[in-house]
């Protein structure tokens, strides 16, 4: 082949440190827009961003030249700095160190988009730990239950 081609869609999930409910209605849409802008600056296409007060879901198409670890670090560090400028109530804001990332086939992009859009309704039934446990299990990823507690 003369050129390299790739279709890499990922579902990225991460939470606030201690699962504190920092992502309030007043800043949520601006935060999601800021995270999308960071992703686009890195060359990634954002299909969807959503979440509730203590965590975020992103559906992103990665370019072949960008690693998911690099993208996650840039989104988390950039958005953390940004949110701290939004008022004294956000001075202690931080993201958890880790994240979950799951591959998404092109045919499943609409389903995952819908899933992210429906986070508010989804979390009336399940908390974040239950959701993450289900995602990890569905994708065959082994995990330590202790990592889901905080």
C-alpha atoms as a PDB file:
ATOM      1  CA  UNK A   1       0.000   0.000   0.000  1.00  0.00           C
ATOM      2  CA  UNK A   2       1.132   3.494  -0.780  1.00  0.00           C
ATOM      3  CA  UNK A   3      -0.833   5.083   2.066  1.00  0.00           C
ATOM      4  CA  UNK A   4      -1.839   4.086   5.586  1.00  0.00           C
ATOM      5  CA  UNK A   5      -5.526   3.919   6.426  1.00  0.00           C
ATOM      6  CA  UNK A   6      -7.285   3.555   9.755  1.00  0.00           C
ATOM      7  CA  UNK A   7     -10.747   3.645  11.258  1.00  0.00           C
ATOM      8  CA  UNK A   8     -10.314   3.747  15.033  1.00  0.00           C
ATOM      9  CA  UNK A   9     -13.315   4.814  17.088  1.00  0.00           C
ATOM     10  CA  UNK A  10     -13.016   4.796  20.859  1.00  0.00           C
ATOM     11  CA  UNK A  11     -15.431   5.247  23.738  1.00  0.00           C
ATOM     12  CA  UNK A  12     -13.446   7.053  26.436  1.00  0.00           C
ATOM     13  CA  UNK A  13     -14.799   7.231  30.003  1.00  0.00           C
ATOM     14  CA  UNK A  14     -13.280   8.959  33.029  1.00  0.00           C
ATOM     15  CA  UNK A  15     -14.488  10.409  36.300  1.00  0.00           C
ATOM     16  CA  UNK A  16     -13.768  13.237  38.653  1.00  0.00           C
ATOM     17  CA  UNK A  17     -11.394  12.511  41.517  1.00  0.00           C
ATOM     18  CA  UNK A  18     -13.314  10.936  44.367  1.00  0.00           C
ATOM     19  CA  UNK A  19     -16.341  11.046  42.067  1.00  0.00           C
ATOM     20  CA  UNK A  20     -17.085  14.548  43.315  1.00  0.00           C
ATOM     21  CA  UNK A  21     -20.005  16.177  41.529  1.00  0.00           C
ATOM     22  CA  UNK A  22     -18.174  19.111  39.958  1.00  0.00           C
ATOM     23  CA  UNK A  23     -19.690  18.914  36.464  1.00  0.00           C
ATOM     24  CA  UNK A  24     -22.785  20.972  37.184  1.00  0.00           C
ATOM     25  CA  UNK A  25     -25.332  22.215  34.649  1.00  0.00           C
ATOM     26  CA  UNK A  26     -23.807  25.721  34.649  1.00  0.00           C
ATOM     27  CA  UNK A  27     -20.538  24.514  33.108  1.00  0.00           C
ATOM     28  CA  UNK A  28     -21.332  21.104  31.575  1.00  0.00           C
ATOM     29  CA  UNK A  29     -21.952  22.151  27.970  1.00  0.00           C
ATOM     30  CA  UNK A  30     -18.970  24.534  27.956  1.00  0.00           C
ATOM     31  CA  UNK A  31     -16.750  21.807  29.435  1.00  0.00           C
ATOM     32  CA  UNK A  32     -17.855  19.328  26.796  1.00  0.00           C
ATOM     33  CA  UNK A  33     -17.215  21.903  24.066  1.00  0.00           C
ATOM     34  CA  UNK A  34     -13.769  22.617  25.490  1.00  0.00           C
ATOM     35  CA  UNK A  35     -12.916  18.917  25.595  1.00  0.00           C
ATOM     36  CA  UNK A  36     -14.086  18.573  21.988  1.00  0.00           C
ATOM     37  CA  UNK A  37     -11.892  21.517  20.972  1.00  0.00           C
ATOM     38  CA  UNK A  38      -8.839  19.895  22.592  1.00  0.00           C
ATOM     39  CA  UNK A  39      -9.595  16.676  20.706  1.00  0.00           C
ATOM     40  CA  UNK A  40      -9.994  18.471  17.377  1.00  0.00           C
ATOM     41  CA  UNK A  41      -6.746  20.384  17.951  1.00  0.00           C
ATOM     42  CA  UNK A  42      -5.029  16.999  18.317  1.00  0.00           C
ATOM     43  CA  UNK A  43      -6.584  15.806  15.043  1.00  0.00           C
ATOM     44  CA  UNK A  44      -9.350  13.628  16.498  1.00  0.00           C
ATOM     45  CA  UNK A  45     -12.977  13.860  15.370  1.00  0.00           C
ATOM     46  CA  UNK A  46     -15.469  13.933  18.225  1.00  0.00           C
ATOM     47  CA  UNK A  47     -18.746  12.124  17.566  1.00  0.00           C
ATOM     48  CA  UNK A  48     -20.291  12.747  20.995  1.00  0.00           C
ATOM     49  CA  UNK A  49     -19.525  14.025  24.504  1.00  0.00           C
ATOM     50  CA  UNK A  50     -21.794  13.540  27.486  1.00  0.00           C
ATOM     51  CA  UNK A  51     -22.025  12.521  31.070  1.00  0.00           C
ATOM     52  CA  UNK A  52     -23.314  13.631  34.420  1.00  0.00           C
ATOM     53  CA  UNK A  53     -21.929  15.423  37.468  1.00  0.00           C
ATOM     54  CA  UNK A  54     -19.118  12.979  38.262  1.00  0.00           C
ATOM     55  CA  UNK A  55     -17.942  11.577  34.919  1.00  0.00           C
ATOM     56  CA  UNK A  56     -17.628  12.057  31.171  1.00  0.00           C
ATOM     57  CA  UNK A  57     -18.091   9.828  28.128  1.00  0.00           C
ATOM     58  CA  UNK A  58     -16.519  10.690  24.769  1.00  0.00           C
ATOM     59  CA  UNK A  59     -16.903   8.935  21.430  1.00  0.00           C
ATOM     60  CA  UNK A  60     -13.899   9.872  19.348  1.00  0.00           C
ATOM     61  CA  UNK A  61     -12.444   8.873  15.980  1.00  0.00           C
ATOM     62  CA  UNK A  62      -8.664   8.757  16.402  1.00  0.00           C
ATOM     63  CA  UNK A  63      -6.360   9.623  13.524  1.00  0.00           C
ATOM     64  CA  UNK A  64      -3.764   6.938  12.834  1.00  0.00           C
ATOM     65  CA  UNK A  65      -0.978   9.192  14.185  1.00  0.00           C
ATOM     66  CA  UNK A  66      -2.446   9.860  17.649  1.00  0.00           C
ATOM     67  CA  UNK A  67      -2.344   7.436  20.569  1.00  0.00           C
ATOM     68  CA  UNK A  68      -5.337   7.177  22.855  1.00  0.00           C
ATOM     69  CA  UNK A  69      -3.084   7.652  25.918  1.00  0.00           C
ATOM     70  CA  UNK A  70      -1.818  10.944  24.526  1.00  0.00           C
ATOM     71  CA  UNK A  71      -5.318  12.130  23.690  1.00  0.00           C
ATOM     72  CA  UNK A  72      -6.709  11.169  27.119  1.00  0.00           C
ATOM     73  CA  UNK A  73      -3.853  12.982  28.885  1.00  0.00           C
ATOM     74  CA  UNK A  74      -4.318  16.152  26.818  1.00  0.00           C
ATOM     75  CA  UNK A  75      -8.096  16.203  27.306  1.00  0.00           C
ATOM     76  CA  UNK A  76      -7.870  15.596  31.036  1.00  0.00           C
ATOM     77  CA  UNK A  77      -5.024  18.019  31.778  1.00  0.00           C
ATOM     78  CA  UNK A  78      -6.351  20.782  29.524  1.00  0.00           C
ATOM     79  CA  UNK A  79      -9.919  20.569  30.780  1.00  0.00           C
ATOM     80  CA  UNK A  80      -8.767  20.402  34.406  1.00  0.00           C
ATOM     81  CA  UNK A  81      -6.849  23.664  33.990  1.00  0.00           C
ATOM     82  CA  UNK A  82      -9.820  25.242  32.212  1.00  0.00           C
ATOM     83  CA  UNK A  83     -12.435  24.254  34.808  1.00  0.00           C
ATOM     84  CA  UNK A  84     -10.342  25.718  37.643  1.00  0.00           C
ATOM     85  CA  UNK A  85     -10.693  29.143  36.007  1.00  0.00           C
ATOM     86  CA  UNK A  86     -14.500  28.988  36.286  1.00  0.00           C
ATOM     87  CA  UNK A  87     -14.758  29.982  39.927  1.00  0.00           C
ATOM     88  CA  UNK A  88     -13.484  29.327  43.409  1.00  0.00           C
ATOM     89  CA  UNK A  89     -15.876  26.378  43.802  1.00  0.00           C
ATOM     90  CA  UNK A  90     -13.795  24.545  41.165  1.00  0.00           C
ATOM     91  CA  UNK A  91     -10.329  25.150  42.648  1.00  0.00           C
ATOM     92  CA  UNK A  92     -10.128  21.590  44.007  1.00  0.00           C
ATOM     93  CA  UNK A  93     -11.275  20.013  40.741  1.00  0.00           C
ATOM     94  CA  UNK A  94      -9.293  17.044  39.435  1.00  0.00           C
ATOM     95  CA  UNK A  95      -9.886  13.998  37.268  1.00  0.00           C
ATOM     96  CA  UNK A  96      -9.185  10.461  38.485  1.00  0.00           C
ATOM     97  CA  UNK A  97      -5.823   9.174  37.274  1.00  0.00           C
ATOM     98  CA  UNK A  98      -7.197   6.372  35.122  1.00  0.00           C
ATOM     99  CA  UNK A  99      -9.765   5.986  32.395  1.00  0.00           C
ATOM    100  CA  UNK A 100     -11.656   3.321  30.531  1.00  0.00           C
ATOM    101  CA  UNK A 101     -11.387   3.061  26.783  1.00  0.00           C
ATOM    102  CA  UNK A 102     -13.358   0.729  24.570  1.00  0.00           C
ATOM    103  CA  UNK A 103     -13.158   0.080  20.847  1.00  0.00           C
ATOM    104  CA  UNK A 104     -16.250   0.851  18.797  1.00  0.00           C
ATOM    105  CA  UNK A 105     -16.825  -0.547  15.329  1.00  0.00           C
ATOM    106  CA  UNK A 106     -18.075   1.919  12.739  1.00  0.00           C
ATOM    107  CA  UNK A 107     -21.447   0.143  12.605  1.00  0.00           C
ATOM    108  CA  UNK A 108     -21.917   0.718  16.370  1.00  0.00           C
ATOM    109  CA  UNK A 109     -21.134   4.463  16.376  1.00  0.00           C
ATOM    110  CA  UNK A 110     -24.856   5.451  16.292  1.00  0.00           C
ATOM    111  CA  UNK A 111     -25.637   3.131  19.230  1.00  0.00           C
ATOM    112  CA  UNK A 112     -22.783   4.481  21.354  1.00  0.00           C
ATOM    113  CA  UNK A 113     -23.752   8.058  20.480  1.00  0.00           C
ATOM    114  CA  UNK A 114     -27.274   7.371  21.719  1.00  0.00           C
ATOM    115  CA  UNK A 115     -25.906   5.728  24.864  1.00  0.00           C
ATOM    116  CA  UNK A 116     -23.836   8.842  25.631  1.00  0.00           C
ATOM    117  CA  UNK A 117     -26.749  11.178  24.881  1.00  0.00           C
ATOM    118  CA  UNK A 118     -28.963   9.258  27.311  1.00  0.00           C
ATOM    119  CA  UNK A 119     -26.596   9.391  30.291  1.00  0.00           C
ATOM    120  CA  UNK A 120     -28.966  11.346  32.538  1.00  0.00           C
ATOM    121  CA  UNK A 121     -31.758   8.778  32.145  1.00  0.00           C
ATOM    122  CA  UNK A 122     -29.299   5.882  32.336  1.00  0.00           C
ATOM    123  CA  UNK A 123     -27.965   7.043  35.697  1.00  0.00           C
ATOM    124  CA  UNK A 124     -31.385   7.097  37.285  1.00  0.00           C
ATOM    125  CA  UNK A 125     -30.991   3.302  37.331  1.00  0.00           C
ATOM    126  CA  UNK A 126     -27.235   2.667  37.626  1.00  0.00           C
ATOM    127  CA  UNK A 127     -24.420   4.494  39.371  1.00  0.00           C
ATOM    128  CA  UNK A 128     -21.036   5.073  37.759  1.00  0.00           C
ATOM    129  CA  UNK A 129     -19.399   2.020  39.353  1.00  0.00           C
ATOM    130  CA  UNK A 130     -22.154  -0.270  38.051  1.00  0.00           C
ATOM    131  CA  UNK A 131     -21.899   1.286  34.605  1.00  0.00           C
ATOM    132  CA  UNK A 132     -18.120   0.946  34.465  1.00  0.00           C
ATOM    133  CA  UNK A 133     -18.279  -2.638  35.747  1.00  0.00           C
ATOM    134  CA  UNK A 134     -20.762  -3.481  32.962  1.00  0.00           C
ATOM    135  CA  UNK A 135     -18.600  -1.830  30.271  1.00  0.00           C
ATOM    136  CA  UNK A 136     -15.458  -3.627  31.448  1.00  0.00           C
ATOM    137  CA  UNK A 137     -17.247  -6.966  31.601  1.00  0.00           C
ATOM    138  CA  UNK A 138     -18.903  -6.515  28.198  1.00  0.00           C
ATOM    139  CA  UNK A 139     -15.495  -5.850  26.659  1.00  0.00           C
ATOM    140  CA  UNK A 140     -13.769  -8.758  28.413  1.00  0.00           C
ATOM    141  CA  UNK A 141     -11.468  -6.556  30.482  1.00  0.00           C
ATOM    142  CA  UNK A 142     -10.398  -7.977  33.835  1.00  0.00           C
ATOM    143  CA  UNK A 143     -10.358  -5.531  36.743  1.00  0.00           C
ATOM    144  CA  UNK A 144      -9.934  -5.308  40.474  1.00  0.00           C
ATOM    145  CA  UNK A 145     -13.177  -4.387  42.262  1.00  0.00           C
ATOM    146  CA  UNK A 146     -11.158  -2.130  44.577  1.00  0.00           C
ATOM    147  CA  UNK A 147     -10.353   0.100  41.601  1.00  0.00           C
ATOM    148  CA  UNK A 148     -14.063   0.822  41.113  1.00  0.00           C
ATOM    149  CA  UNK A 149     -14.653   2.084  44.659  1.00  0.00           C
ATOM    150  CA  UNK A 150     -12.979   5.521  44.492  1.00  0.00           C
END
